[in-house]
Amino acid sequence: MAKSAVQFKIADVSRALKGAAKGGMKIGRAEIDPATGRIIVVAAGEAAESQSALDRWMEADNARAP
């Protein structure tokens, strides 16, 4: 099996997070698509995406605790 090319580097993520913080954004999380290398910085307190059925089920305490 051949190794696939790396789409992003740690420095890319660090640069995106530092830039957002310098711009005044309170960072909530960063999402990275390993296939494309797309880095998305989400602000803290930003409305969350609609939950999947699995997320709702887990929040309803139906999932076992680790």
PDB file of N, CA and C in Angstrom:
ATOM      1  N   MET A   1       0.830  -1.186   0.000  1.00  0.00           N
ATOM      2  CA  MET A   1       0.000   0.000   0.000  1.00  0.00           C
ATOM      3  C   MET A   1       0.875   1.251   0.000  1.00  0.00           C
ATOM      4  N   ALA A   2       0.546   2.146  -0.859  1.00  0.00           N
ATOM      5  CA  ALA A   2       1.287   3.396  -0.926  1.00  0.00           C
ATOM      6  C   ALA A   2       0.679   4.402   0.039  1.00  0.00           C
ATOM      7  N   LYS A   3       1.535   5.203   0.620  1.00  0.00           N
ATOM      8  CA  LYS A   3       1.062   6.261   1.508  1.00  0.00           C
ATOM      9  C   LYS A   3       0.412   7.365   0.684  1.00  0.00           C
ATOM     10  N   SER A   4      -0.695   7.880   1.170  1.00  0.00           N
ATOM     11  CA  SER A   4      -1.325   8.998   0.480  1.00  0.00           C
ATOM     12  C   SER A   4      -0.637  10.292   0.897  1.00  0.00           C
ATOM     13  N   ALA A   5      -0.713  11.259   0.031  1.00  0.00           N
ATOM     14  CA  ALA A   5      -0.097  12.545   0.311  1.00  0.00           C
ATOM     15  C   ALA A   5      -0.837  13.242   1.447  1.00  0.00           C
ATOM     16  N   VAL A   6      -0.106  13.879   2.312  1.00  0.00           N
ATOM     17  CA  VAL A   6      -0.696  14.611   3.433  1.00  0.00           C
ATOM     18  C   VAL A   6      -1.328  15.886   2.887  1.00  0.00           C
ATOM     19  N   GLN A   7      -2.594  16.109   3.262  1.00  0.00           N
ATOM     20  CA  GLN A   7      -3.324  17.258   2.752  1.00  0.00           C
ATOM     21  C   GLN A   7      -3.151  18.512   3.613  1.00  0.00           C
ATOM     22  N   PHE A   8      -2.728  18.334   4.857  1.00  0.00           N
ATOM     23  CA  PHE A   8      -2.521  19.483   5.739  1.00  0.00           C
ATOM     24  C   PHE A   8      -1.401  19.150   6.715  1.00  0.00           C
ATOM     25  N   LYS A   9      -0.832  20.193   7.276  1.00  0.00           N
ATOM     26  CA  LYS A   9       0.237  20.032   8.265  1.00  0.00           C
ATOM     27  C   LYS A   9      -0.201  20.702   9.558  1.00  0.00           C
ATOM     28  N   ILE A  10       0.439  20.322  10.643  1.00  0.00           N
ATOM     29  CA  ILE A  10       0.138  20.924  11.938  1.00  0.00           C
ATOM     30  C   ILE A  10       0.339  22.433  11.877  1.00  0.00           C
ATOM     31  N   ALA A  11       1.334  22.856  11.137  1.00  0.00           N
ATOM     32  CA  ALA A  11       1.594  24.295  11.003  1.00  0.00           C
ATOM     33  C   ALA A  11       0.411  25.008  10.346  1.00  0.00           C
ATOM     34  N   ASP A  12      -0.268  24.342   9.402  1.00  0.00           N
ATOM     35  CA  ASP A  12      -1.444  24.936   8.757  1.00  0.00           C
ATOM     36  C   ASP A  12      -2.573  25.143   9.765  1.00  0.00           C
ATOM     37  N   VAL A  13      -2.792  24.144  10.609  1.00  0.00           N
ATOM     38  CA  VAL A  13      -3.844  24.242  11.623  1.00  0.00           C
ATOM     39  C   VAL A  13      -3.490  25.332  12.626  1.00  0.00           C
ATOM     40  N   SER A  14      -2.242  25.341  13.063  1.00  0.00           N
ATOM     41  CA  SER A  14      -1.785  26.347  14.019  1.00  0.00           C
ATOM     42  C   SER A  14      -1.945  27.754  13.446  1.00  0.00           C
ATOM     43  N   ARG A  15      -1.591  27.929  12.187  1.00  0.00           N
ATOM     44  CA  ARG A  15      -1.692  29.236  11.527  1.00  0.00           C
ATOM     45  C   ARG A  15      -3.154  29.682  11.467  1.00  0.00           C
ATOM     46  N   ALA A  16      -4.061  28.763  11.152  1.00  0.00           N
ATOM     47  CA  ALA A  16      -5.481  29.102  11.067  1.00  0.00           C
ATOM     48  C   ALA A  16      -6.031  29.497  12.439  1.00  0.00           C
ATOM     49  N   LEU A  17      -5.668  28.740  13.479  1.00  0.00           N
ATOM     50  CA  LEU A  17      -6.161  29.039  14.823  1.00  0.00           C
ATOM     51  C   LEU A  17      -5.588  30.352  15.357  1.00  0.00           C
ATOM     52  N   LYS A  18      -4.302  30.571  15.141  1.00  0.00           N
ATOM     53  CA  LYS A  18      -3.688  31.820  15.608  1.00  0.00           C
ATOM     54  C   LYS A  18      -4.276  33.024  14.876  1.00  0.00           C
ATOM     55  N   GLY A  19      -4.523  32.888  13.590  1.00  0.00           N
ATOM     56  CA  GLY A  19      -5.105  33.983  12.815  1.00  0.00           C
ATOM     57  C   GLY A  19      -6.509  34.317  13.285  1.00  0.00           C
ATOM     58  N   ALA A  20      -7.294  33.291  13.565  1.00  0.00           N
ATOM     59  CA  ALA A  20      -8.653  33.527  14.053  1.00  0.00           C
ATOM     60  C   ALA A  20      -8.624  34.197  15.421  1.00  0.00           C
ATOM     61  N   ALA A  21      -7.725  33.750  16.290  1.00  0.00           N
ATOM     62  CA  ALA A  21      -7.618  34.342  17.628  1.00  0.00           C
ATOM     63  C   ALA A  21      -7.155  35.792  17.548  1.00  0.00           C
ATOM     64  N   LYS A  22      -6.198  36.087  16.672  1.00  0.00           N
ATOM     65  CA  LYS A  22      -5.740  37.476  16.517  1.00  0.00           C
ATOM     66  C   LYS A  22      -6.829  38.367  15.950  1.00  0.00           C
ATOM     67  N   GLY A  23      -7.731  37.775  15.183  1.00  0.00           N
ATOM     68  CA  GLY A  23      -8.845  38.525  14.614  1.00  0.00           C
ATOM     69  C   GLY A  23      -9.974  38.754  15.608  1.00  0.00           C
ATOM     70  N   GLY A  24      -9.821  38.228  16.827  1.00  0.00           N
ATOM     71  CA  GLY A  24     -10.810  38.463  17.868  1.00  0.00           C
ATOM     72  C   GLY A  24     -11.822  37.339  18.045  1.00  0.00           C
ATOM     73  N   MET A  25     -11.647  36.253  17.329  1.00  0.00           N
ATOM     74  CA  MET A  25     -12.585  35.138  17.446  1.00  0.00           C
ATOM     75  C   MET A  25     -12.270  34.301  18.677  1.00  0.00           C
ATOM     76  N   LYS A  26     -13.303  33.952  19.429  1.00  0.00           N
ATOM     77  CA  LYS A  26     -13.140  32.989  20.518  1.00  0.00           C
ATOM     78  C   LYS A  26     -13.356  31.621  19.893  1.00  0.00           C
ATOM     79  N   ILE A  27     -12.324  30.828  19.878  1.00  0.00           N
ATOM     80  CA  ILE A  27     -12.342  29.563  19.156  1.00  0.00           C
ATOM     81  C   ILE A  27     -13.066  28.499  19.969  1.00  0.00           C
ATOM     82  N   GLY A  28     -14.032  27.868  19.333  1.00  0.00           N
ATOM     83  CA  GLY A  28     -14.771  26.780  19.960  1.00  0.00           C
ATOM     84  C   GLY A  28     -14.156  25.436  19.607  1.00  0.00           C
ATOM     85  N   ARG A  29     -13.891  25.250  18.324  1.00  0.00           N
ATOM     86  CA  ARG A  29     -13.278  24.001  17.861  1.00  0.00           C
ATOM     87  C   ARG A  29     -12.756  24.197  16.442  1.00  0.00           C
ATOM     88  N   ALA A  30     -11.953  23.255  16.025  1.00  0.00           N
ATOM     89  CA  ALA A  30     -11.458  23.230  14.649  1.00  0.00           C
ATOM     90  C   ALA A  30     -11.831  21.888  14.047  1.00  0.00           C
ATOM     91  N   GLU A  31     -12.307  21.916  12.823  1.00  0.00           N
ATOM     92  CA  GLU A  31     -12.653  20.697  12.109  1.00  0.00           C
ATOM     93  C   GLU A  31     -11.706  20.575  10.918  1.00  0.00           C
ATOM     94  N   ILE A  32     -11.219  19.355  10.692  1.00  0.00           N
ATOM     95  CA  ILE A  32     -10.291  19.120   9.594  1.00  0.00           C
ATOM     96  C   ILE A  32     -10.792  17.939   8.780  1.00  0.00           C
ATOM     97  N   ASP A  33     -10.906  18.142   7.471  1.00  0.00           N
ATOM     98  CA  ASP A  33     -11.267  17.056   6.575  1.00  0.00           C
ATOM     99  C   ASP A  33      -9.966  16.452   6.063  1.00  0.00           C
ATOM    100  N   PRO A  34      -9.610  15.244   6.522  1.00  0.00           N
ATOM    101  CA  PRO A  34      -8.322  14.666   6.131  1.00  0.00           C
ATOM    102  C   PRO A  34      -8.223  14.362   4.638  1.00  0.00           C
ATOM    103  N   ALA A  35      -9.335  14.172   3.980  1.00  0.00           N
ATOM    104  CA  ALA A  35      -9.304  13.860   2.552  1.00  0.00           C
ATOM    105  C   ALA A  35      -8.923  15.073   1.713  1.00  0.00           C
ATOM    106  N   THR A  36      -9.426  16.249   2.102  1.00  0.00           N
ATOM    107  CA  THR A  36      -9.179  17.449   1.305  1.00  0.00           C
ATOM    108  C   THR A  36      -8.209  18.423   1.952  1.00  0.00           C
ATOM    109  N   GLY A  37      -7.997  18.292   3.264  1.00  0.00           N
ATOM    110  CA  GLY A  37      -7.140  19.225   3.975  1.00  0.00           C
ATOM    111  C   GLY A  37      -7.853  20.502   4.371  1.00  0.00           C
ATOM    112  N   ARG A  38      -9.151  20.545   4.198  1.00  0.00           N
ATOM    113  CA  ARG A  38      -9.930  21.734   4.539  1.00  0.00           C
ATOM    114  C   ARG A  38      -9.971  21.914   6.051  1.00  0.00           C
ATOM    115  N   ILE A  39      -9.635  23.115   6.520  1.00  0.00           N
ATOM    116  CA  ILE A  39      -9.618  23.439   7.942  1.00  0.00           C
ATOM    117  C   ILE A  39     -10.739  24.439   8.207  1.00  0.00           C
ATOM    118  N   ILE A  40     -11.620  24.102   9.143  1.00  0.00           N
ATOM    119  CA  ILE A  40     -12.737  24.974   9.488  1.00  0.00           C
ATOM    120  C   ILE A  40     -12.603  25.339  10.961  1.00  0.00           C
ATOM    121  N   VAL A  41     -12.574  26.625  11.254  1.00  0.00           N
ATOM    122  CA  VAL A  41     -12.499  27.109  12.634  1.00  0.00           C
ATOM    123  C   VAL A  41     -13.891  27.587  13.006  1.00  0.00           C
ATOM    124  N   VAL A  42     -14.432  27.025  14.086  1.00  0.00           N
ATOM    125  CA  VAL A  42     -15.785  27.355  14.533  1.00  0.00           C
ATOM    126  C   VAL A  42     -15.680  28.180  15.805  1.00  0.00           C
ATOM    127  N   ALA A  43     -16.403  29.282  15.833  1.00  0.00           N
ATOM    128  CA  ALA A  43     -16.374  30.176  16.987  1.00  0.00           C
ATOM    129  C   ALA A  43     -17.091  29.551  18.171  1.00  0.00           C
ATOM    130  N   ALA A  44     -16.629  29.866  19.375  1.00  0.00           N
ATOM    131  CA  ALA A  44     -17.291  29.405  20.604  1.00  0.00           C
ATOM    132  C   ALA A  44     -18.656  30.055  20.685  1.00  0.00           C
ATOM    133  N   GLY A  45     -19.647  29.297  21.099  1.00  0.00           N
ATOM    134  CA  GLY A  45     -20.983  29.834  21.249  1.00  0.00           C
ATOM    135  C   GLY A  45     -21.771  29.878  19.961  1.00  0.00           C
ATOM    136  N   GLU A  46     -21.165  29.490  18.856  1.00  0.00           N
ATOM    137  CA  GLU A  46     -21.869  29.472  17.583  1.00  0.00           C
ATOM    138  C   GLU A  46     -22.896  28.340  17.618  1.00  0.00           C
ATOM    139  N   ALA A  47     -24.009  28.536  16.991  1.00  0.00           N
ATOM    140  CA  ALA A  47     -25.057  27.511  16.984  1.00  0.00           C
ATOM    141  C   ALA A  47     -24.521  26.217  16.408  1.00  0.00           C
ATOM    142  N   ALA A  48     -24.778  25.149  17.102  1.00  0.00           N
ATOM    143  CA  ALA A  48     -24.309  23.843  16.655  1.00  0.00           C
ATOM    144  C   ALA A  48     -25.168  23.354  15.494  1.00  0.00           C
ATOM    145  N   GLU A  49     -24.581  22.482  14.698  1.00  0.00           N
ATOM    146  CA  GLU A  49     -25.328  21.886  13.602  1.00  0.00           C
ATOM    147  C   GLU A  49     -26.407  20.998  14.187  1.00  0.00           C
ATOM    148  N   SER A  50     -27.401  20.717  13.409  1.00  0.00           N
ATOM    149  CA  SER A  50     -28.468  19.854  13.906  1.00  0.00           C
ATOM    150  C   SER A  50     -27.883  18.498  14.279  1.00  0.00           C
ATOM    151  N   GLN A  51     -28.382  17.948  15.353  1.00  0.00           N
ATOM    152  CA  GLN A  51     -27.848  16.696  15.866  1.00  0.00           C
ATOM    153  C   GLN A  51     -28.376  15.521  15.063  1.00  0.00           C
ATOM    154  N   SER A  52     -27.525  14.524  14.959  1.00  0.00           N
ATOM    155  CA  SER A  52     -27.946  13.295  14.301  1.00  0.00           C
ATOM    156  C   SER A  52     -28.767  12.465  15.288  1.00  0.00           C
ATOM    157  N   ALA A  53     -29.406  11.435  14.781  1.00  0.00           N
ATOM    158  CA  ALA A  53     -30.197  10.553  15.638  1.00  0.00           C
ATOM    159  C   ALA A  53     -29.306   9.910  16.701  1.00  0.00           C
ATOM    160  N   LEU A  54     -28.069   9.582  16.337  1.00  0.00           N
ATOM    161  CA  LEU A  54     -27.143   8.983  17.290  1.00  0.00           C
ATOM    162  C   LEU A  54     -26.814   9.963  18.410  1.00  0.00           C
ATOM    163  N   ASP A  55     -26.566  11.228  18.070  1.00  0.00           N
ATOM    164  CA  ASP A  55     -26.257  12.230  19.091  1.00  0.00           C
ATOM    165  C   ASP A  55     -27.417  12.401  20.074  1.00  0.00           C
ATOM    166  N   ARG A  56     -28.631  12.458  19.548  1.00  0.00           N
ATOM    167  CA  ARG A  56     -29.804  12.597  20.433  1.00  0.00           C
ATOM    168  C   ARG A  56     -29.948  11.376  21.327  1.00  0.00           C
ATOM    169  N   TRP A  57     -29.721  10.190  20.783  1.00  0.00           N
ATOM    170  CA  TRP A  57     -29.821   8.958  21.557  1.00  0.00           C
ATOM    171  C   TRP A  57     -28.785   8.925  22.666  1.00  0.00           C
ATOM    172  N   MET A  58     -27.557   9.350  22.354  1.00  0.00           N
ATOM    173  CA  MET A  58     -26.485   9.342  23.358  1.00  0.00           C
ATOM    174  C   MET A  58     -26.760  10.357  24.462  1.00  0.00           C
ATOM    175  N   GLU A  59     -27.308  11.504  24.128  1.00  0.00           N
ATOM    176  CA  GLU A  59     -27.616  12.519  25.135  1.00  0.00           C
ATOM    177  C   GLU A  59     -28.771  12.097  26.037  1.00  0.00           C
ATOM    178  N   ALA A  60     -29.603  11.203  25.578  1.00  0.00           N
ATOM    179  CA  ALA A  60     -30.739  10.743  26.359  1.00  0.00           C
ATOM    180  C   ALA A  60     -30.317   9.659  27.346  1.00  0.00           C
ATOM    181  N   ASP A  61     -29.043   9.507  27.583  1.00  0.00           N
ATOM    182  CA  ASP A  61     -28.481   8.537  28.523  1.00  0.00           C
ATOM    183  C   ASP A  61     -28.800   7.098  28.145  1.00  0.00           C
ATOM    184  N   ASN A  62     -28.979   6.857  26.874  1.00  0.00           N
ATOM    185  CA  ASN A  62     -29.210   5.499  26.421  1.00  0.00           C
ATOM    186  C   ASN A  62     -27.897   4.775  26.150  1.00  0.00           C
ATOM    187  N   ALA A  63     -26.836   5.533  26.008  1.00  0.00           N
ATOM    188  CA  ALA A  63     -25.538   4.934  25.740  1.00  0.00           C
ATOM    189  C   ALA A  63     -24.875   4.582  27.065  1.00  0.00           C
ATOM    190  N   ARG A  64     -24.083   3.556  27.035  1.00  0.00           N
ATOM    191  CA  ARG A  64     -23.364   3.151  28.243  1.00  0.00           C
ATOM    192  C   ARG A  64     -22.188   4.090  28.499  1.00  0.00           C
ATOM    193  N   ALA A  65     -21.926   4.337  29.755  1.00  0.00           N
ATOM    194  CA  ALA A  65     -20.767   5.162  30.123  1.00  0.00           C
ATOM    195  C   ALA A  65     -19.520   4.330  29.940  1.00  0.00           C
ATOM    196  N   PRO A  66     -18.397   4.947  29.536  1.00  0.00           N
ATOM    197  CA  PRO A  66     -17.155   4.188  29.329  1.00  0.00           C
ATOM    198  C   PRO A  66     -16.587   3.655  30.621  1.00  0.00           C
TER     199      PRO A  66
END
